[in-house]
């Protein structure tokens, strides 16, 4: 929740100067080394970090004006950019994806 409030505050502060501030959240677990520290959680149930990179690219290459103060979800951003086929991002497509740790 803190990151969401910071995003809104920074967007309000820097928006008039043409700087867009947005937050990006993963819909599912992302297979990072940090995930290995959580007992009972396997990277096989997540997506590769490339999904976050591709999502960030989609956000950073769009016009900043008028697009600020949003809490974005990777899957939704990619869908809006025309990418809806996401199985290639799965670490192990045969395993079910677990939801991200910070989304309800």
PDB file of N, CA and C in Angstrom:
ATOM      1  N   UNK A   1       0.822  -1.178   0.000  1.00  0.00           N
ATOM      2  CA  UNK A   1       0.000   0.000   0.000  1.00  0.00           C
ATOM      3  C   UNK A   1       0.875   1.253   0.000  1.00  0.00           C
ATOM      4  N   UNK A   2       2.009   1.168   0.671  1.00  0.00           N
ATOM      5  CA  UNK A   2       2.910   2.312   0.720  1.00  0.00           C
ATOM      6  C   UNK A   2       3.373   2.731  -0.662  1.00  0.00           C
ATOM      7  N   UNK A   3       3.715   1.742  -1.506  1.00  0.00           N
ATOM      8  CA  UNK A   3       4.183   2.076  -2.850  1.00  0.00           C
ATOM      9  C   UNK A   3       3.069   2.754  -3.654  1.00  0.00           C
ATOM     10  N   UNK A   4       1.845   2.338  -3.434  1.00  0.00           N
ATOM     11  CA  UNK A   4       0.719   2.951  -4.147  1.00  0.00           C
ATOM     12  C   UNK A   4       0.549   4.411  -3.731  1.00  0.00           C
ATOM     13  N   UNK A   5       0.663   4.688  -2.439  1.00  0.00           N
ATOM     14  CA  UNK A   5       0.544   6.071  -1.978  1.00  0.00           C
ATOM     15  C   UNK A   5       1.701   6.935  -2.470  1.00  0.00           C
ATOM     16  N   UNK A   6       2.900   6.387  -2.486  1.00  0.00           N
ATOM     17  CA  UNK A   6       4.052   7.132  -2.999  1.00  0.00           C
ATOM     18  C   UNK A   6       3.840   7.449  -4.485  1.00  0.00           C
ATOM     19  N   UNK A   7       3.326   6.471  -5.231  1.00  0.00           N
ATOM     20  CA  UNK A   7       3.056   6.680  -6.656  1.00  0.00           C
ATOM     21  C   UNK A   7       2.083   7.836  -6.851  1.00  0.00           C
ATOM     22  N   UNK A   8       1.003   7.840  -6.091  1.00  0.00           N
ATOM     23  CA  UNK A   8       0.007   8.909  -6.227  1.00  0.00           C
ATOM     24  C   UNK A   8       0.583  10.272  -5.845  1.00  0.00           C
ATOM     25  N   UNK A   9       1.358  10.305  -4.765  1.00  0.00           N
ATOM     26  CA  UNK A   9       1.956  11.568  -4.327  1.00  0.00           C
ATOM     27  C   UNK A   9       2.963  12.121  -5.322  1.00  0.00           C
ATOM     28  N   UNK A  10       3.838  11.258  -5.817  1.00  0.00           N
ATOM     29  CA  UNK A  10       4.838  11.703  -6.796  1.00  0.00           C
ATOM     30  C   UNK A  10       4.187  12.109  -8.111  1.00  0.00           C
ATOM     31  N   UNK A  11       3.133  11.394  -8.504  1.00  0.00           N
ATOM     32  CA  UNK A  11       2.423  11.749  -9.735  1.00  0.00           C
ATOM     33  C   UNK A  11       1.812  13.143  -9.618  1.00  0.00           C
ATOM     34  N   UNK A  12       1.239  13.443  -8.463  1.00  0.00           N
ATOM     35  CA  UNK A  12       0.653  14.773  -8.250  1.00  0.00           C
ATOM     36  C   UNK A  12       1.728  15.852  -8.235  1.00  0.00           C
ATOM     37  N   UNK A  13       2.872  15.531  -7.651  1.00  0.00           N
ATOM     38  CA  UNK A  13       3.939  16.523  -7.546  1.00  0.00           C
ATOM     39  C   UNK A  13       4.621  16.791  -8.881  1.00  0.00           C
ATOM     40  N   UNK A  14       4.911  15.748  -9.639  1.00  0.00           N
ATOM     41  CA  UNK A  14       5.696  15.909 -10.861  1.00  0.00           C
ATOM     42  C   UNK A  14       4.869  15.944 -12.140  1.00  0.00           C
ATOM     43  N   UNK A  15       3.578  15.598 -12.050  1.00  0.00           N
ATOM     44  CA  UNK A  15       2.721  15.612 -13.225  1.00  0.00           C
ATOM     45  C   UNK A  15       2.698  16.943 -13.956  1.00  0.00           C
ATOM     46  N   UNK A  16       2.571  18.059 -13.245  1.00  0.00           N
ATOM     47  CA  UNK A  16       2.549  19.354 -13.935  1.00  0.00           C
ATOM     48  C   UNK A  16       3.833  19.654 -14.713  1.00  0.00           C
ATOM     49  N   UNK A  17       4.909  18.965 -14.386  1.00  0.00           N
ATOM     50  CA  UNK A  17       6.179  19.164 -15.099  1.00  0.00           C
ATOM     51  C   UNK A  17       6.335  18.185 -16.266  1.00  0.00           C
ATOM     52  N   UNK A  18       5.313  17.360 -16.501  1.00  0.00           N
ATOM     53  CA  UNK A  18       5.347  16.420 -17.615  1.00  0.00           C
ATOM     54  C   UNK A  18       6.003  15.091 -17.304  1.00  0.00           C
ATOM     55  N   UNK A  19       6.240  14.831 -16.026  1.00  0.00           N
ATOM     56  CA  UNK A  19       6.865  13.564 -15.627  1.00  0.00           C
ATOM     57  C   UNK A  19       5.765  12.613 -15.156  1.00  0.00           C
ATOM     58  N   UNK A  20       5.716  11.437 -15.756  1.00  0.00           N
ATOM     59  CA  UNK A  20       4.713  10.441 -15.368  1.00  0.00           C
ATOM     60  C   UNK A  20       5.297   9.510 -14.311  1.00  0.00           C
ATOM     61  N   UNK A  21       4.511   9.227 -13.298  1.00  0.00           N
ATOM     62  CA  UNK A  21       4.905   8.302 -12.231  1.00  0.00           C
ATOM     63  C   UNK A  21       3.816   7.237 -12.135  1.00  0.00           C
ATOM     64  N   UNK A  22       4.195   5.980 -12.298  1.00  0.00           N
ATOM     65  CA  UNK A  22       3.263   4.869 -12.209  1.00  0.00           C
ATOM     66  C   UNK A  22       3.920   3.732 -11.439  1.00  0.00           C
ATOM     67  N   UNK A  23       3.109   2.863 -10.859  1.00  0.00           N
ATOM     68  CA  UNK A  23       3.613   1.669 -10.173  1.00  0.00           C
ATOM     69  C   UNK A  23       3.280   0.454 -11.035  1.00  0.00           C
ATOM     70  N   UNK A  24       4.118  -0.567 -10.950  1.00  0.00           N
ATOM     71  CA  UNK A  24       3.920  -1.783 -11.725  1.00  0.00           C
ATOM     72  C   UNK A  24       3.919  -2.983 -10.787  1.00  0.00           C
ATOM     73  N   UNK A  25       2.844  -3.771 -10.849  1.00  0.00           N
ATOM     74  CA  UNK A  25       2.683  -4.935 -10.000  1.00  0.00           C
ATOM     75  C   UNK A  25       2.561  -6.197 -10.841  1.00  0.00           C
ATOM     76  N   UNK A  26       3.143  -7.305 -10.402  1.00  0.00           N
ATOM     77  CA  UNK A  26       2.971  -8.571 -11.121  1.00  0.00           C
ATOM     78  C   UNK A  26       1.676  -9.278 -10.700  1.00  0.00           C
ATOM     79  N   UNK A  27       0.968  -9.840 -11.672  1.00  0.00           N
ATOM     80  CA  UNK A  27      -0.259 -10.589 -11.374  1.00  0.00           C
ATOM     81  C   UNK A  27       0.072 -11.920 -10.702  1.00  0.00           C
ATOM     82  N   UNK A  28       1.214 -12.511 -11.059  1.00  0.00           N
ATOM     83  CA  UNK A  28       1.627 -13.801 -10.504  1.00  0.00           C
ATOM     84  C   UNK A  28       2.999 -13.665  -9.860  1.00  0.00           C
ATOM     85  N   UNK A  29       3.424 -14.723  -9.206  1.00  0.00           N
ATOM     86  CA  UNK A  29       4.790 -14.732  -8.668  1.00  0.00           C
ATOM     87  C   UNK A  29       5.787 -14.543  -9.803  1.00  0.00           C
ATOM     88  N   UNK A  30       6.871 -13.865  -9.508  1.00  0.00           N
ATOM     89  CA  UNK A  30       7.954 -13.699 -10.471  1.00  0.00           C
ATOM     90  C   UNK A  30       9.142 -14.487  -9.945  1.00  0.00           C
ATOM     91  N   UNK A  31       9.703 -15.325 -10.795  1.00  0.00           N
ATOM     92  CA  UNK A  31      10.790 -16.227 -10.403  1.00  0.00           C
ATOM     93  C   UNK A  31      12.097 -15.459 -10.234  1.00  0.00           C
ATOM     94  N   UNK A  32      12.315 -14.967  -9.023  1.00  0.00           N
ATOM     95  CA  UNK A  32      13.553 -14.261  -8.689  1.00  0.00           C
ATOM     96  C   UNK A  32      14.238 -15.005  -7.555  1.00  0.00           C
ATOM     97  N   UNK A  33      15.461 -14.640  -7.264  1.00  0.00           N
ATOM     98  CA  UNK A  33      16.172 -15.265  -6.157  1.00  0.00           C
ATOM     99  C   UNK A  33      15.473 -15.012  -4.826  1.00  0.00           C
ATOM    100  N   UNK A  34      14.816 -13.882  -4.692  1.00  0.00           N
ATOM    101  CA  UNK A  34      14.105 -13.573  -3.449  1.00  0.00           C
ATOM    102  C   UNK A  34      13.009 -14.602  -3.175  1.00  0.00           C
ATOM    103  N   UNK A  35      12.425 -15.142  -4.225  1.00  0.00           N
ATOM    104  CA  UNK A  35      11.378 -16.147  -4.065  1.00  0.00           C
ATOM    105  C   UNK A  35      11.904 -17.408  -3.388  1.00  0.00           C
ATOM    106  N   UNK A  36      13.170 -17.701  -3.585  1.00  0.00           N
ATOM    107  CA  UNK A  36      13.781 -18.894  -2.988  1.00  0.00           C
ATOM    108  C   UNK A  36      13.851 -18.818  -1.462  1.00  0.00           C
ATOM    109  N   UNK A  37      13.686 -17.640  -0.892  1.00  0.00           N
ATOM    110  CA  UNK A  37      13.758 -17.488   0.557  1.00  0.00           C
ATOM    111  C   UNK A  37      12.419 -17.713   1.241  1.00  0.00           C
ATOM    112  N   UNK A  38      11.352 -17.939   0.467  1.00  0.00           N
ATOM    113  CA  UNK A  38      10.022 -18.130   1.039  1.00  0.00           C
ATOM    114  C   UNK A  38       9.743 -19.632   1.092  1.00  0.00           C
ATOM    115  N   UNK A  39       9.662 -20.184   2.285  1.00  0.00           N
ATOM    116  CA  UNK A  39       9.428 -21.635   2.404  1.00  0.00           C
ATOM    117  C   UNK A  39       8.117 -22.054   1.742  1.00  0.00           C
ATOM    118  N   UNK A  40       8.164 -23.153   1.026  1.00  0.00           N
ATOM    119  CA  UNK A  40       6.969 -23.717   0.412  1.00  0.00           C
ATOM    120  C   UNK A  40       6.551 -23.080  -0.898  1.00  0.00           C
ATOM    121  N   UNK A  41       7.314 -22.113  -1.364  1.00  0.00           N
ATOM    122  CA  UNK A  41       6.995 -21.455  -2.631  1.00  0.00           C
ATOM    123  C   UNK A  41       8.047 -21.856  -3.650  1.00  0.00           C
ATOM    124  N   UNK A  42       7.591 -22.247  -4.821  1.00  0.00           N
ATOM    125  CA  UNK A  42       8.506 -22.694  -5.870  1.00  0.00           C
ATOM    126  C   UNK A  42       8.458 -21.739  -7.053  1.00  0.00           C
ATOM    127  N   UNK A  43       9.607 -21.457  -7.607  1.00  0.00           N
ATOM    128  CA  UNK A  43       9.683 -20.604  -8.797  1.00  0.00           C
ATOM    129  C   UNK A  43       8.946 -21.233  -9.971  1.00  0.00           C
ATOM    130  N   UNK A  44       8.766 -22.553  -9.936  1.00  0.00           N
ATOM    131  CA  UNK A  44       8.049 -23.247 -11.011  1.00  0.00           C
ATOM    132  C   UNK A  44       6.606 -22.760 -11.127  1.00  0.00           C
ATOM    133  N   UNK A  45       6.072 -22.164 -10.069  1.00  0.00           N
ATOM    134  CA  UNK A  45       4.700 -21.660 -10.069  1.00  0.00           C
ATOM    135  C   UNK A  45       4.629 -20.173 -10.406  1.00  0.00           C
ATOM    136  N   UNK A  46       5.676 -19.658 -10.996  1.00  0.00           N
ATOM    137  CA  UNK A  46       5.708 -18.243 -11.331  1.00  0.00           C
ATOM    138  C   UNK A  46       6.063 -17.995 -12.780  1.00  0.00           C
ATOM    139  N   UNK A  47       6.176 -16.749 -13.088  1.00  0.00           N
ATOM    140  CA  UNK A  47       6.578 -16.330 -14.426  1.00  0.00           C
ATOM    141  C   UNK A  47       8.009 -15.819 -14.400  1.00  0.00           C
ATOM    142  N   UNK A  48       8.625 -15.832 -15.563  1.00  0.00           N
ATOM    143  CA  UNK A  48      10.001 -15.350 -15.716  1.00  0.00           C
ATOM    144  C   UNK A  48      10.036 -13.826 -15.551  1.00  0.00           C
ATOM    145  N   UNK A  49      11.158 -13.293 -15.094  1.00  0.00           N
ATOM    146  CA  UNK A  49      11.278 -11.841 -14.937  1.00  0.00           C
ATOM    147  C   UNK A  49      11.092 -11.065 -16.240  1.00  0.00           C
ATOM    148  N   UNK A  50      11.234 -11.734 -17.367  1.00  0.00           N
ATOM    149  CA  UNK A  50      11.078 -11.061 -18.655  1.00  0.00           C
ATOM    150  C   UNK A  50       9.709 -10.403 -18.808  1.00  0.00           C
ATOM    151  N   UNK A  51       8.687 -10.952 -18.132  1.00  0.00           N
ATOM    152  CA  UNK A  51       7.360 -10.341 -18.242  1.00  0.00           C
ATOM    153  C   UNK A  51       7.362  -8.934 -17.646  1.00  0.00           C
ATOM    154  N   UNK A  52       8.122  -8.742 -16.584  1.00  0.00           N
ATOM    155  CA  UNK A  52       8.198  -7.413 -15.969  1.00  0.00           C
ATOM    156  C   UNK A  52       8.973  -6.460 -16.885  1.00  0.00           C
ATOM    157  N   UNK A  53      10.040  -6.959 -17.491  1.00  0.00           N
ATOM    158  CA  UNK A  53      10.818  -6.129 -18.411  1.00  0.00           C
ATOM    159  C   UNK A  53       9.981  -5.709 -19.615  1.00  0.00           C
ATOM    160  N   UNK A  54       9.244  -6.641 -20.184  1.00  0.00           N
ATOM    161  CA  UNK A  54       8.411  -6.312 -21.342  1.00  0.00           C
ATOM    162  C   UNK A  54       7.287  -5.353 -20.967  1.00  0.00           C
ATOM    163  N   UNK A  55       6.745  -5.522 -19.776  1.00  0.00           N
ATOM    164  CA  UNK A  55       5.690  -4.625 -19.309  1.00  0.00           C
ATOM    165  C   UNK A  55       6.247  -3.225 -19.068  1.00  0.00           C
ATOM    166  N   UNK A  56       7.396  -3.147 -18.419  1.00  0.00           N
ATOM    167  CA  UNK A  56       8.022  -1.841 -18.184  1.00  0.00           C
ATOM    168  C   UNK A  56       8.315  -1.150 -19.513  1.00  0.00           C
ATOM    169  N   UNK A  57       8.767  -1.902 -20.488  1.00  0.00           N
ATOM    170  CA  UNK A  57       9.043  -1.325 -21.812  1.00  0.00           C
ATOM    171  C   UNK A  57       7.762  -0.744 -22.408  1.00  0.00           C
ATOM    172  N   UNK A  58       6.656  -1.470 -22.292  1.00  0.00           N
ATOM    173  CA  UNK A  58       5.378  -0.983 -22.825  1.00  0.00           C
ATOM    174  C   UNK A  58       4.945   0.311 -22.147  1.00  0.00           C
ATOM    175  N   UNK A  59       5.190   0.409 -20.848  1.00  0.00           N
ATOM    176  CA  UNK A  59       4.811   1.619 -20.112  1.00  0.00           C
ATOM    177  C   UNK A  59       5.753   2.773 -20.459  1.00  0.00           C
ATOM    178  N   UNK A  60       7.045   2.497 -20.511  1.00  0.00           N
ATOM    179  CA  UNK A  60       8.025   3.563 -20.715  1.00  0.00           C
ATOM    180  C   UNK A  60       8.049   4.112 -22.140  1.00  0.00           C
ATOM    181  N   UNK A  61       7.521   3.374 -23.089  1.00  0.00           N
ATOM    182  CA  UNK A  61       7.534   3.850 -24.474  1.00  0.00           C
ATOM    183  C   UNK A  61       6.228   4.534 -24.877  1.00  0.00           C
ATOM    184  N   UNK A  62       5.274   4.605 -23.979  1.00  0.00           N
ATOM    185  CA  UNK A  62       4.043   5.336 -24.292  1.00  0.00           C
ATOM    186  C   UNK A  62       4.195   6.782 -23.871  1.00  0.00           C
ATOM    187  N   UNK A  63       3.369   7.643 -24.422  1.00  0.00           N
ATOM    188  CA  UNK A  63       3.459   9.058 -24.082  1.00  0.00           C
ATOM    189  C   UNK A  63       3.149   9.275 -22.606  1.00  0.00           C
ATOM    190  N   UNK A  64       3.988  10.034 -21.935  1.00  0.00           N
ATOM    191  CA  UNK A  64       3.834  10.267 -20.496  1.00  0.00           C
ATOM    192  C   UNK A  64       2.660  11.198 -20.194  1.00  0.00           C
ATOM    193  N   UNK A  65       2.429  12.150 -21.054  1.00  0.00           N
ATOM    194  CA  UNK A  65       1.384  13.144 -20.807  1.00  0.00           C
ATOM    195  C   UNK A  65       0.023  12.464 -20.647  1.00  0.00           C
ATOM    196  N   UNK A  66      -0.608  12.715 -19.526  1.00  0.00           N
ATOM    197  CA  UNK A  66      -1.930  12.179 -19.267  1.00  0.00           C
ATOM    198  C   UNK A  66      -1.954  10.743 -18.759  1.00  0.00           C
ATOM    199  N   UNK A  67      -0.786  10.158 -18.558  1.00  0.00           N
ATOM    200  CA  UNK A  67      -0.746   8.773 -18.064  1.00  0.00           C
ATOM    201  C   UNK A  67       0.169   8.709 -16.847  1.00  0.00           C
ATOM    202  N   UNK A  68      -0.367   9.095 -15.723  1.00  0.00           N
ATOM    203  CA  UNK A  68       0.414   9.148 -14.496  1.00  0.00           C
ATOM    204  C   UNK A  68      -0.485   8.864 -13.301  1.00  0.00           C
ATOM    205  N   UNK A  69       0.115   8.308 -12.254  1.00  0.00           N
ATOM    206  CA  UNK A  69      -0.632   8.026 -11.037  1.00  0.00           C
ATOM    207  C   UNK A  69      -1.400   6.719 -11.081  1.00  0.00           C
ATOM    208  N   UNK A  70      -0.947   5.795 -11.911  1.00  0.00           N
ATOM    209  CA  UNK A  70      -1.641   4.514 -12.051  1.00  0.00           C
ATOM    210  C   UNK A  70      -0.876   3.394 -11.345  1.00  0.00           C
ATOM    211  N   UNK A  71      -1.618   2.470 -10.784  1.00  0.00           N
ATOM    212  CA  UNK A  71      -1.056   1.233 -10.256  1.00  0.00           C
ATOM    213  C   UNK A  71      -1.382   0.156 -11.278  1.00  0.00           C
ATOM    214  N   UNK A  72      -0.384  -0.227 -12.048  1.00  0.00           N
ATOM    215  CA  UNK A  72      -0.566  -1.097 -13.201  1.00  0.00           C
ATOM    216  C   UNK A  72      -0.266  -2.552 -12.867  1.00  0.00           C
ATOM    217  N   UNK A  73      -0.932  -3.460 -13.547  1.00  0.00           N
ATOM    218  CA  UNK A  73      -0.692  -4.897 -13.397  1.00  0.00           C
ATOM    219  C   UNK A  73      -0.129  -5.403 -14.714  1.00  0.00           C
ATOM    220  N   UNK A  74       0.960  -6.149 -14.628  1.00  0.00           N
ATOM    221  CA  UNK A  74       1.696  -6.564 -15.826  1.00  0.00           C
ATOM    222  C   UNK A  74       0.812  -7.165 -16.910  1.00  0.00           C
ATOM    223  N   UNK A  75      -0.032  -8.106 -16.555  1.00  0.00           N
ATOM    224  CA  UNK A  75      -0.886  -8.797 -17.525  1.00  0.00           C
ATOM    225  C   UNK A  75      -1.811  -7.816 -18.249  1.00  0.00           C
ATOM    226  N   UNK A  76      -2.359  -6.867 -17.525  1.00  0.00           N
ATOM    227  CA  UNK A  76      -3.274  -5.891 -18.122  1.00  0.00           C
ATOM    228  C   UNK A  76      -2.546  -4.945 -19.068  1.00  0.00           C
ATOM    229  N   UNK A  77      -1.352  -4.524 -18.686  1.00  0.00           N
ATOM    230  CA  UNK A  77      -0.567  -3.632 -19.543  1.00  0.00           C
ATOM    231  C   UNK A  77      -0.210  -4.344 -20.841  1.00  0.00           C
ATOM    232  N   UNK A  78       0.228  -5.595 -20.743  1.00  0.00           N
ATOM    233  CA  UNK A  78       0.579  -6.334 -21.945  1.00  0.00           C
ATOM    234  C   UNK A  78      -0.643  -6.553 -22.834  1.00  0.00           C
ATOM    235  N   UNK A  79      -1.786  -6.850 -22.237  1.00  0.00           N
ATOM    236  CA  UNK A  79      -3.008  -7.043 -23.020  1.00  0.00           C
ATOM    237  C   UNK A  79      -3.375  -5.762 -23.772  1.00  0.00           C
ATOM    238  N   UNK A  80      -3.258  -4.622 -23.109  1.00  0.00           N
ATOM    239  CA  UNK A  80      -3.549  -3.341 -23.756  1.00  0.00           C
ATOM    240  C   UNK A  80      -2.574  -3.051 -24.890  1.00  0.00           C
ATOM    241  N   UNK A  81      -1.363  -3.604 -24.786  1.00  0.00           N
ATOM    242  CA  UNK A  81      -0.345  -3.420 -25.827  1.00  0.00           C
ATOM    243  C   UNK A  81      -0.456  -4.481 -26.924  1.00  0.00           C
ATOM    244  N   UNK A  82      -1.437  -5.402 -26.767  1.00  0.00           N
ATOM    245  CA  UNK A  82      -1.659  -6.409 -27.793  1.00  0.00           C
ATOM    246  C   UNK A  82      -1.058  -7.775 -27.530  1.00  0.00           C
ATOM    247  N   UNK A  83      -0.444  -7.964 -26.368  1.00  0.00           N
ATOM    248  CA  UNK A  83       0.142  -9.258 -26.032  1.00  0.00           C
ATOM    249  C   UNK A  83      -0.781  -9.984 -25.060  1.00  0.00           C
ATOM    250  N   UNK A  84      -1.441 -11.025 -25.542  1.00  0.00           N
ATOM    251  CA  UNK A  84      -2.347 -11.784 -24.685  1.00  0.00           C
ATOM    252  C   UNK A  84      -1.911 -13.239 -24.531  1.00  0.00           C
ATOM    253  N   UNK A  85      -0.933 -13.665 -25.289  1.00  0.00           N
ATOM    254  CA  UNK A  85      -0.431 -15.037 -25.215  1.00  0.00           C
ATOM    255  C   UNK A  85       0.729 -15.055 -24.220  1.00  0.00           C
ATOM    256  N   UNK A  86       0.451 -15.432 -22.962  1.00  0.00           N
ATOM    257  CA  UNK A  86       1.442 -15.328 -21.896  1.00  0.00           C
ATOM    258  C   UNK A  86       2.109 -16.635 -21.470  1.00  0.00           C
ATOM    259  N   UNK A  87       1.729 -17.804 -21.973  1.00  0.00           N
ATOM    260  CA  UNK A  87       2.367 -19.042 -21.507  1.00  0.00           C
ATOM    261  C   UNK A  87       3.887 -19.077 -21.668  1.00  0.00           C
ATOM    262  N   UNK A  88       4.419 -18.357 -22.622  1.00  0.00           N
ATOM    263  CA  UNK A  88       5.869 -18.322 -22.811  1.00  0.00           C
ATOM    264  C   UNK A  88       6.614 -17.683 -21.655  1.00  0.00           C
ATOM    265  N   UNK A  89       5.922 -16.936 -20.840  1.00  0.00           N
ATOM    266  CA  UNK A  89       6.539 -16.314 -19.666  1.00  0.00           C
ATOM    267  C   UNK A  89       6.588 -17.261 -18.469  1.00  0.00           C
ATOM    268  N   UNK A  90       5.827 -18.344 -18.505  1.00  0.00           N
ATOM    269  CA  UNK A  90       5.780 -19.271 -17.369  1.00  0.00           C
ATOM    270  C   UNK A  90       7.113 -19.993 -17.216  1.00  0.00           C
ATOM    271  N   UNK A  91       7.564 -20.135 -15.990  1.00  0.00           N
ATOM    272  CA  UNK A  91       8.781 -20.897 -15.729  1.00  0.00           C
ATOM    273  C   UNK A  91       8.540 -22.354 -16.107  1.00  0.00           C
ATOM    274  N   UNK A  92       7.425 -22.902 -15.680  1.00  0.00           N
ATOM    275  CA  UNK A  92       7.043 -24.281 -16.001  1.00  0.00           C
ATOM    276  C   UNK A  92       5.564 -24.268 -16.381  1.00  0.00           C
ATOM    277  N   UNK A  93       5.270 -24.246 -17.684  1.00  0.00           N
ATOM    278  CA  UNK A  93       3.874 -24.152 -18.127  1.00  0.00           C
ATOM    279  C   UNK A  93       2.970 -25.282 -17.622  1.00  0.00           C
ATOM    280  N   UNK A  94       3.546 -26.380 -17.154  1.00  0.00           N
ATOM    281  CA  UNK A  94       2.717 -27.477 -16.644  1.00  0.00           C
ATOM    282  C   UNK A  94       2.260 -27.232 -15.201  1.00  0.00           C
ATOM    283  N   UNK A  95       2.811 -26.243 -14.543  1.00  0.00           N
ATOM    284  CA  UNK A  95       2.468 -25.940 -13.153  1.00  0.00           C
ATOM    285  C   UNK A  95       1.474 -24.763 -13.090  1.00  0.00           C
ATOM    286  N   UNK A  96       0.577 -24.794 -12.100  1.00  0.00           N
ATOM    287  CA  UNK A  96      -0.338 -23.652 -11.949  1.00  0.00           C
ATOM    288  C   UNK A  96       0.420 -22.415 -11.458  1.00  0.00           C
ATOM    289  N   UNK A  97      -0.009 -21.273 -11.921  1.00  0.00           N
ATOM    290  CA  UNK A  97       0.603 -20.012 -11.492  1.00  0.00           C
ATOM    291  C   UNK A  97       0.020 -19.587 -10.146  1.00  0.00           C
ATOM    292  N   UNK A  98       0.883 -19.136  -9.267  1.00  0.00           N
ATOM    293  CA  UNK A  98       0.429 -18.602  -7.987  1.00  0.00           C
ATOM    294  C   UNK A  98       0.274 -17.087  -8.113  1.00  0.00           C
ATOM    295  N   UNK A  99      -0.715 -16.510  -7.440  1.00  0.00           N
ATOM    296  CA  UNK A  99      -0.904 -15.065  -7.542  1.00  0.00           C
ATOM    297  C   UNK A  99       0.258 -14.304  -6.917  1.00  0.00           C
ATOM    298  N   UNK A 100       0.427 -13.056  -7.375  1.00  0.00           N
ATOM    299  CA  UNK A 100       1.454 -12.194  -6.804  1.00  0.00           C
ATOM    300  C   UNK A 100       1.220 -12.011  -5.304  1.00  0.00           C
ATOM    301  N   UNK A 101       2.268 -11.702  -4.604  1.00  0.00           N
ATOM    302  CA  UNK A 101       2.192 -11.620  -3.148  1.00  0.00           C
ATOM    303  C   UNK A 101       1.512 -10.349  -2.645  1.00  0.00           C
ATOM    304  N   UNK A 102       1.380  -9.337  -3.489  1.00  0.00           N
ATOM    305  CA  UNK A 102       0.861  -8.061  -3.019  1.00  0.00           C
ATOM    306  C   UNK A 102      -0.467  -7.671  -3.641  1.00  0.00           C
ATOM    307  N   UNK A 103      -1.072  -8.557  -4.417  1.00  0.00           N
ATOM    308  CA  UNK A 103      -2.373  -8.275  -5.003  1.00  0.00           C
ATOM    309  C   UNK A 103      -3.424  -9.124  -4.330  1.00  0.00           C
ATOM    310  N   UNK A 104      -4.595  -8.584  -4.188  1.00  0.00           N
ATOM    311  CA  UNK A 104      -5.693  -9.329  -3.579  1.00  0.00           C
ATOM    312  C   UNK A 104      -6.606  -9.878  -4.644  1.00  0.00           C
TER     313      UNK A 104
END
